[in-house]
């Protein structure tokens, strides 16, 4: 079982199938069409697959530190008006309290198994209902990236799907990575 700091391997086929199923189930609750989803998840297969499913549905992923305090969680919810928040069993209680005191009422989905070994059933609260996802355009917003806040309050930068593809291509080109290459990323996803 996945625990923070451990590693889990998922094959490409399983990852693709799980992501598509997540897309369908998230789509059934309105995770689409430029709606924001707050992801309060540690680095894990759940964080990666959920982020991809949200963005692929045309929704906007806003990844946040899963260990944020109550006031910061409430501020993030009030600032971005998410349609849903995805949490873990570790932070679900704090996020529930933040939602209750917020001016918004997003759905809360709790990742029971961050390794995603059980597919989309690893996330409680998702309906069994499925909706066929729509195609997303390259200039639609895929994610909100917070700035460091060194010159004032942190701001949210809108990144499009085109931004991600361009950055990925540039990273591969500039770092001379090949098809079999690996890139070590140690920063948490909310960075």
Protein backbone atom coordinates (compact mmCIF):
# COMPACT_ATOMS: atom_id res chain seq x y z
CA UNK A 1 0.00 0.00 0.00
CA UNK A 2 1.07 3.56 -0.74
CA UNK A 3 2.43 5.63 2.11
CA UNK A 4 3.98 9.05 1.79
CA UNK A 5 7.58 8.66 0.75
CA UNK A 6 7.10 5.29 -0.92
CA UNK A 7 6.97 4.62 -4.62
CA UNK A 8 4.34 2.83 -6.62
CA UNK A 9 4.45 1.68 -10.21
CA UNK A 10 1.43 1.75 -12.49
CA UNK A 11 1.64 0.60 -16.11
CA UNK A 12 0.65 2.97 -18.92
CA UNK A 13 -2.45 0.95 -19.83
CA UNK A 14 -3.73 0.92 -16.25
CA UNK A 15 -2.96 4.64 -15.87
CA UNK A 16 -4.85 5.46 -19.08
CA UNK A 17 -7.86 3.33 -18.13
CA UNK A 18 -8.01 4.76 -14.61
CA UNK A 19 -7.67 8.33 -15.89
CA UNK A 20 -10.48 7.84 -18.42
CA UNK A 21 -12.76 6.34 -15.76
CA UNK A 22 -11.94 9.28 -13.47
CA UNK A 23 -12.76 11.67 -16.31
CA UNK A 24 -16.19 10.07 -16.75
CA UNK A 25 -17.04 9.99 -13.05
CA UNK A 26 -15.74 13.52 -12.40
CA UNK A 27 -17.62 14.75 -15.47
CA UNK A 28 -20.85 13.46 -13.95
CA UNK A 29 -20.47 15.97 -11.08
CA UNK A 30 -19.60 18.96 -13.24
CA UNK A 31 -15.81 18.69 -13.40
CA UNK A 32 -15.63 20.12 -16.93
CA UNK A 33 -15.94 23.32 -18.92
CA UNK A 34 -13.42 25.51 -17.06
CA UNK A 35 -14.72 24.71 -13.56
CA UNK A 36 -11.96 24.76 -10.92
CA UNK A 37 -11.03 21.65 -8.92
CA UNK A 38 -8.84 22.06 -5.85
CA UNK A 39 -6.38 19.18 -5.48
CA UNK A 40 -5.00 18.87 -1.94
CA UNK A 41 -2.98 15.71 -2.53
CA UNK A 42 0.57 14.63 -1.73
CA UNK A 43 2.84 13.50 -4.58
CA UNK A 44 1.34 10.15 -5.48
CA UNK A 45 -0.25 8.29 -8.39
CA UNK A 46 -3.61 9.71 -7.25
CA UNK A 47 -2.29 13.27 -7.63
CA UNK A 48 -0.97 12.63 -11.14
CA UNK A 49 -3.97 10.72 -12.50
CA UNK A 50 -6.51 13.10 -10.95
CA UNK A 51 -4.67 16.17 -12.25
CA UNK A 52 -4.62 14.68 -15.75
CA UNK A 53 -8.31 13.68 -15.56
CA UNK A 54 -9.36 17.15 -14.38
CA UNK A 55 -7.38 18.96 -17.09
CA UNK A 56 -8.42 16.49 -19.81
CA UNK A 57 -12.07 17.17 -18.92
CA UNK A 58 -11.57 20.85 -19.63
CA UNK A 59 -11.69 21.78 -15.95
CA UNK A 60 -8.98 23.79 -14.23
CA UNK A 61 -6.69 22.08 -11.74
CA UNK A 62 -5.53 24.12 -8.76
CA UNK A 63 -3.02 22.08 -6.79
CA UNK A 64 -2.41 23.20 -3.23
CA UNK A 65 -0.23 22.08 -0.36
CA UNK A 66 -2.18 19.21 1.25
CA UNK A 67 -0.99 20.40 4.67
CA UNK A 68 -2.32 23.96 4.44
CA UNK A 69 -3.91 25.32 7.57
CA UNK A 70 -7.59 26.07 8.01
CA UNK A 71 -7.43 29.77 7.04
CA UNK A 72 -5.35 29.12 3.92
CA UNK A 73 -7.69 26.30 2.84
CA UNK A 74 -10.72 28.54 3.32
CA UNK A 75 -9.01 31.35 1.37
CA UNK A 76 -8.14 28.99 -1.51
CA UNK A 77 -11.75 27.79 -1.70
CA UNK A 78 -13.14 31.33 -1.59
CA UNK A 79 -10.61 32.62 -4.14
CA UNK A 80 -11.11 30.00 -6.86
CA UNK A 81 -14.73 28.87 -6.35
CA UNK A 82 -14.01 25.18 -6.99
CA UNK A 83 -16.76 22.80 -8.02
CA UNK A 84 -14.90 20.04 -6.15
CA UNK A 85 -12.02 19.47 -3.74
CA UNK A 86 -10.01 16.24 -3.79
CA UNK A 87 -8.36 15.39 -0.47
CA UNK A 88 -6.83 12.44 1.34
CA UNK A 89 -7.96 10.75 4.52
CA UNK A 90 -5.23 12.74 6.28
CA UNK A 91 -6.55 16.21 5.42
CA UNK A 92 -10.25 15.56 4.67
CA UNK A 93 -11.43 16.69 8.10
CA UNK A 94 -9.58 20.03 7.86
CA UNK A 95 -10.90 20.58 4.35
CA UNK A 96 -14.45 19.73 5.44
CA UNK A 97 -14.21 22.43 8.12
CA UNK A 98 -12.82 24.91 5.56
CA UNK A 99 -15.67 24.15 3.17
CA UNK A 100 -18.22 24.58 5.97
CA UNK A 101 -16.88 28.05 6.82
CA UNK A 102 -16.42 29.08 3.19
CA UNK A 103 -18.86 31.03 1.07
CA UNK A 104 -18.73 28.13 -1.42
CA UNK A 105 -19.98 24.56 -1.20
CA UNK A 106 -17.81 22.36 -3.43
CA UNK A 107 -18.15 18.58 -3.46
CA UNK A 108 -15.48 16.78 -1.42
CA UNK A 109 -13.90 13.58 -2.73
CA UNK A 110 -11.50 11.66 -0.50
CA UNK A 111 -8.67 9.52 -1.83
CA UNK A 112 -8.63 6.36 0.27
CA UNK A 113 -5.72 4.75 -1.61
CA UNK A 114 -3.22 7.23 -3.14
CA UNK A 115 -1.52 4.36 -5.03
CA UNK A 116 -4.68 4.06 -7.18
CA UNK A 117 -4.31 0.29 -7.22
CA UNK A 118 -8.12 0.04 -7.03
CA UNK A 119 -8.66 2.50 -9.88
CA UNK A 120 -11.25 5.24 -9.46
CA UNK A 121 -12.84 3.31 -6.58
CA UNK A 122 -9.81 4.55 -4.59
CA UNK A 123 -11.68 7.88 -4.31
CA UNK A 124 -14.76 7.93 -2.12
CA UNK A 125 -17.69 10.19 -2.88
CA UNK A 126 -17.45 9.90 -6.67
CA UNK A 127 -20.74 8.83 -8.23
CA UNK A 128 -20.94 5.64 -10.25
CA UNK A 129 -22.68 7.72 -12.94
CA UNK A 130 -20.49 8.42 -15.92
CA UNK A 131 -20.54 11.19 -18.50
CA UNK A 132 -18.63 11.13 -21.76
CA UNK A 133 -15.90 13.77 -21.53
CA UNK A 134 -15.66 16.42 -24.21
CA UNK A 135 -12.60 17.40 -26.20
CA UNK A 136 -10.51 20.24 -24.82
CA UNK A 137 -8.97 23.00 -26.90
CA UNK A 138 -5.29 23.95 -26.63
CA UNK A 139 -6.03 27.47 -25.43
CA UNK A 140 -8.35 26.48 -22.60
CA UNK A 141 -6.97 26.94 -19.08
CA UNK A 142 -5.58 23.68 -17.70
CA UNK A 143 -4.28 24.79 -14.31
CA UNK A 144 -3.69 27.64 -11.90
CA UNK A 145 -0.11 28.02 -10.73
CA UNK A 146 0.55 30.15 -7.65
CA UNK A 147 3.45 32.58 -7.77
CA UNK A 148 5.97 32.54 -4.94
CA UNK A 149 4.58 35.68 -3.33
CA UNK A 150 8.03 37.20 -2.79
CA UNK A 151 6.92 40.66 -3.92
CA UNK A 152 3.48 40.55 -2.32
CA UNK A 153 0.59 38.16 -1.94
CA UNK A 154 0.80 35.04 -4.10
CA UNK A 155 -1.11 35.34 -7.37
CA UNK A 156 -2.60 32.58 -9.53
CA UNK A 157 -1.22 32.32 -13.07
CA UNK A 158 -3.46 30.69 -15.68
CA UNK A 159 -1.68 27.99 -17.71
CA UNK A 160 -3.26 26.66 -20.88
CA UNK A 161 -2.91 23.19 -22.37
CA UNK A 162 -0.68 24.78 -25.01
CA UNK A 163 1.59 26.15 -22.23
CA UNK A 164 2.06 22.63 -20.84
CA UNK A 165 2.81 21.06 -24.23
CA UNK A 166 5.24 23.83 -25.15
CA UNK A 167 7.02 23.63 -21.78
CA UNK A 168 7.24 19.83 -22.03
CA UNK A 169 8.65 19.94 -25.55
CA UNK A 170 11.15 22.62 -24.57
CA UNK A 171 12.25 20.65 -21.49
CA UNK A 172 12.84 17.52 -23.57
CA UNK A 173 14.69 19.48 -26.27
CA UNK A 174 16.86 21.53 -23.90
CA UNK A 175 17.75 18.64 -21.58
CA UNK A 176 18.43 16.15 -24.43
CA UNK A 177 16.04 13.57 -23.00
CA UNK A 178 15.17 10.67 -25.27
CA UNK A 179 12.27 8.23 -25.35
CA UNK A 180 13.83 6.08 -22.62
CA UNK A 181 15.05 9.03 -20.55
CA UNK A 182 13.92 9.78 -17.01
CA UNK A 183 13.59 13.14 -15.32
CA UNK A 184 13.78 13.40 -11.54
CA UNK A 185 11.25 15.84 -10.11
CA UNK A 186 11.47 16.29 -6.36
CA UNK A 187 9.20 19.30 -5.88
CA UNK A 188 5.65 18.72 -4.71
CA UNK A 189 2.99 19.17 -7.40
CA UNK A 190 1.56 22.26 -5.71
CA UNK A 191 4.88 23.97 -6.44
